[in-house]
Amino acid sequence: MWWWIAVGLMAWLTVSAAIAFAVGAFLRVAEREEQLVELQREQRDHAQPPLLN
């Protein structure tokens, strides 16, 4: 009986760790893409001077 609880707990911890790893990887990619977009926007803004009205 007790070993079923231990197996369930280990399975839950394993799945939780896998989900945390996947979410972390997704957030790292999203952060990298956001930095790339900001860099491209900054380069574009410096390449084109603002229009004078």
N, C-alpha and C. Protein backbone atom coordinates (compact mmCIF):
# COMPACT_ATOMS: atom_id res chain seq x y z
N MET A 1 0.82 -1.20 0.00
CA MET A 1 0.00 0.00 0.00
C MET A 1 0.86 1.26 0.00
N TRP A 2 1.87 1.31 0.89
CA TRP A 2 2.70 2.50 0.98
C TRP A 2 3.53 2.73 -0.26
N TRP A 3 3.93 1.65 -0.92
CA TRP A 3 4.77 1.85 -2.10
C TRP A 3 3.98 2.46 -3.24
N TRP A 4 2.63 2.25 -3.27
CA TRP A 4 1.80 2.92 -4.28
C TRP A 4 1.82 4.43 -4.07
N ILE A 5 1.79 4.83 -2.82
CA ILE A 5 1.85 6.26 -2.51
C ILE A 5 3.20 6.82 -2.94
N ALA A 6 4.28 6.10 -2.66
CA ALA A 6 5.61 6.55 -3.06
C ALA A 6 5.73 6.62 -4.58
N VAL A 7 5.20 5.64 -5.29
CA VAL A 7 5.25 5.66 -6.76
C VAL A 7 4.44 6.83 -7.29
N GLY A 8 3.27 7.07 -6.72
CA GLY A 8 2.44 8.20 -7.15
C GLY A 8 3.12 9.52 -6.90
N LEU A 9 3.76 9.65 -5.75
CA LEU A 9 4.48 10.88 -5.43
C LEU A 9 5.65 11.11 -6.38
N MET A 10 6.39 10.05 -6.66
CA MET A 10 7.52 10.17 -7.59
C MET A 10 7.03 10.52 -9.00
N ALA A 11 5.93 9.93 -9.43
CA ALA A 11 5.38 10.24 -10.74
C ALA A 11 4.94 11.70 -10.79
N TRP A 12 4.28 12.16 -9.73
CA TRP A 12 3.83 13.55 -9.68
C TRP A 12 5.02 14.51 -9.72
N LEU A 13 6.06 14.21 -8.96
CA LEU A 13 7.25 15.06 -8.97
C LEU A 13 7.94 15.05 -10.33
N THR A 14 7.99 13.89 -10.97
CA THR A 14 8.61 13.80 -12.29
C THR A 14 7.84 14.62 -13.32
N VAL A 15 6.52 14.48 -13.31
CA VAL A 15 5.70 15.25 -14.26
C VAL A 15 5.81 16.74 -13.97
N SER A 16 5.79 17.12 -12.70
CA SER A 16 5.92 18.53 -12.34
C SER A 16 7.26 19.11 -12.80
N ALA A 17 8.33 18.35 -12.61
CA ALA A 17 9.64 18.81 -13.05
C ALA A 17 9.70 18.93 -14.56
N ALA A 18 9.11 17.99 -15.28
CA ALA A 18 9.10 18.05 -16.74
C ALA A 18 8.31 19.26 -17.23
N ILE A 19 7.18 19.54 -16.59
CA ILE A 19 6.38 20.71 -16.98
C ILE A 19 7.14 21.99 -16.67
N ALA A 20 7.78 22.05 -15.52
CA ALA A 20 8.56 23.24 -15.16
C ALA A 20 9.70 23.45 -16.15
N PHE A 21 10.36 22.38 -16.55
CA PHE A 21 11.44 22.50 -17.53
C PHE A 21 10.90 23.00 -18.87
N ALA A 22 9.77 22.46 -19.32
CA ALA A 22 9.18 22.88 -20.60
C ALA A 22 8.76 24.35 -20.55
N VAL A 23 8.14 24.77 -19.46
CA VAL A 23 7.73 26.17 -19.34
C VAL A 23 8.95 27.08 -19.30
N GLY A 24 9.98 26.66 -18.59
CA GLY A 24 11.21 27.45 -18.54
C GLY A 24 11.85 27.60 -19.90
N ALA A 25 11.89 26.51 -20.66
CA ALA A 25 12.46 26.57 -22.01
C ALA A 25 11.63 27.50 -22.89
N PHE A 26 10.31 27.41 -22.79
CA PHE A 26 9.42 28.28 -23.58
C PHE A 26 9.67 29.74 -23.22
N LEU A 27 9.78 30.04 -21.94
CA LEU A 27 10.00 31.43 -21.52
C LEU A 27 11.36 31.95 -21.95
N ARG A 28 12.38 31.09 -21.95
CA ARG A 28 13.70 31.52 -22.43
C ARG A 28 13.64 31.86 -23.91
N VAL A 29 12.96 31.05 -24.71
CA VAL A 29 12.82 31.32 -26.14
C VAL A 29 12.03 32.60 -26.35
N ALA A 30 10.96 32.78 -25.61
CA ALA A 30 10.14 33.98 -25.75
C ALA A 30 10.94 35.23 -25.39
N GLU A 31 11.74 35.15 -24.34
CA GLU A 31 12.56 36.29 -23.93
C GLU A 31 13.60 36.61 -25.00
N ARG A 32 14.22 35.58 -25.56
CA ARG A 32 15.22 35.79 -26.62
C ARG A 32 14.57 36.44 -27.84
N GLU A 33 13.38 35.98 -28.22
CA GLU A 33 12.69 36.56 -29.37
C GLU A 33 12.30 38.01 -29.10
N GLU A 34 11.87 38.29 -27.87
CA GLU A 34 11.51 39.66 -27.52
C GLU A 34 12.73 40.58 -27.60
N GLN A 35 13.87 40.12 -27.13
CA GLN A 35 15.09 40.92 -27.21
C GLN A 35 15.48 41.15 -28.67
N LEU A 36 15.31 40.15 -29.51
CA LEU A 36 15.63 40.30 -30.93
C LEU A 36 14.73 41.33 -31.58
N VAL A 37 13.44 41.29 -31.26
CA VAL A 37 12.50 42.26 -31.83
C VAL A 37 12.85 43.67 -31.36
N GLU A 38 13.18 43.82 -30.09
CA GLU A 38 13.56 45.14 -29.58
C GLU A 38 14.83 45.65 -30.26
N LEU A 39 15.79 44.77 -30.48
CA LEU A 39 17.02 45.16 -31.17
C LEU A 39 16.73 45.59 -32.60
N GLN A 40 15.89 44.83 -33.30
CA GLN A 40 15.53 45.19 -34.67
C GLN A 40 14.78 46.51 -34.71
N ARG A 41 13.89 46.73 -33.75
CA ARG A 41 13.13 47.98 -33.70
C ARG A 41 14.07 49.16 -33.44
N GLU A 42 15.01 48.96 -32.55
CA GLU A 42 15.98 50.01 -32.23
C GLU A 42 16.83 50.35 -33.46
N GLN A 43 17.27 49.33 -34.18
CA GLN A 43 18.08 49.57 -35.39
C GLN A 43 17.25 50.27 -36.45
N ARG A 44 15.99 49.88 -36.59
CA ARG A 44 15.12 50.50 -37.58
C ARG A 44 14.86 51.96 -37.22
N ASP A 45 14.64 52.24 -35.95
CA ASP A 45 14.36 53.60 -35.52
C ASP A 45 15.57 54.51 -35.72
N HIS A 46 16.78 53.98 -35.52
CA HIS A 46 17.98 54.78 -35.72
C HIS A 46 18.27 54.97 -37.21
N ALA A 47 17.85 54.05 -38.04
CA ALA A 47 18.12 54.15 -39.47
C ALA A 47 17.21 55.18 -40.14
N GLN A 48 16.03 55.39 -39.59
CA GLN A 48 15.09 56.34 -40.18
C GLN A 48 14.87 57.52 -39.22
N PRO A 49 15.38 58.69 -39.57
CA PRO A 49 15.18 59.84 -38.68
C PRO A 49 13.69 60.22 -38.64
N PRO A 50 13.23 60.76 -37.53
CA PRO A 50 11.80 61.13 -37.43
C PRO A 50 11.45 62.22 -38.43
N LEU A 51 10.22 62.17 -38.89
CA LEU A 51 9.74 63.18 -39.84
C LEU A 51 9.42 64.47 -39.09
N LEU A 52 9.76 65.59 -39.71
CA LEU A 52 9.47 66.88 -39.12
C LEU A 52 8.14 67.38 -39.66
N ASN A 53 7.29 67.82 -38.76
CA ASN A 53 5.97 68.34 -39.18
C ASN A 53 5.99 69.84 -39.25
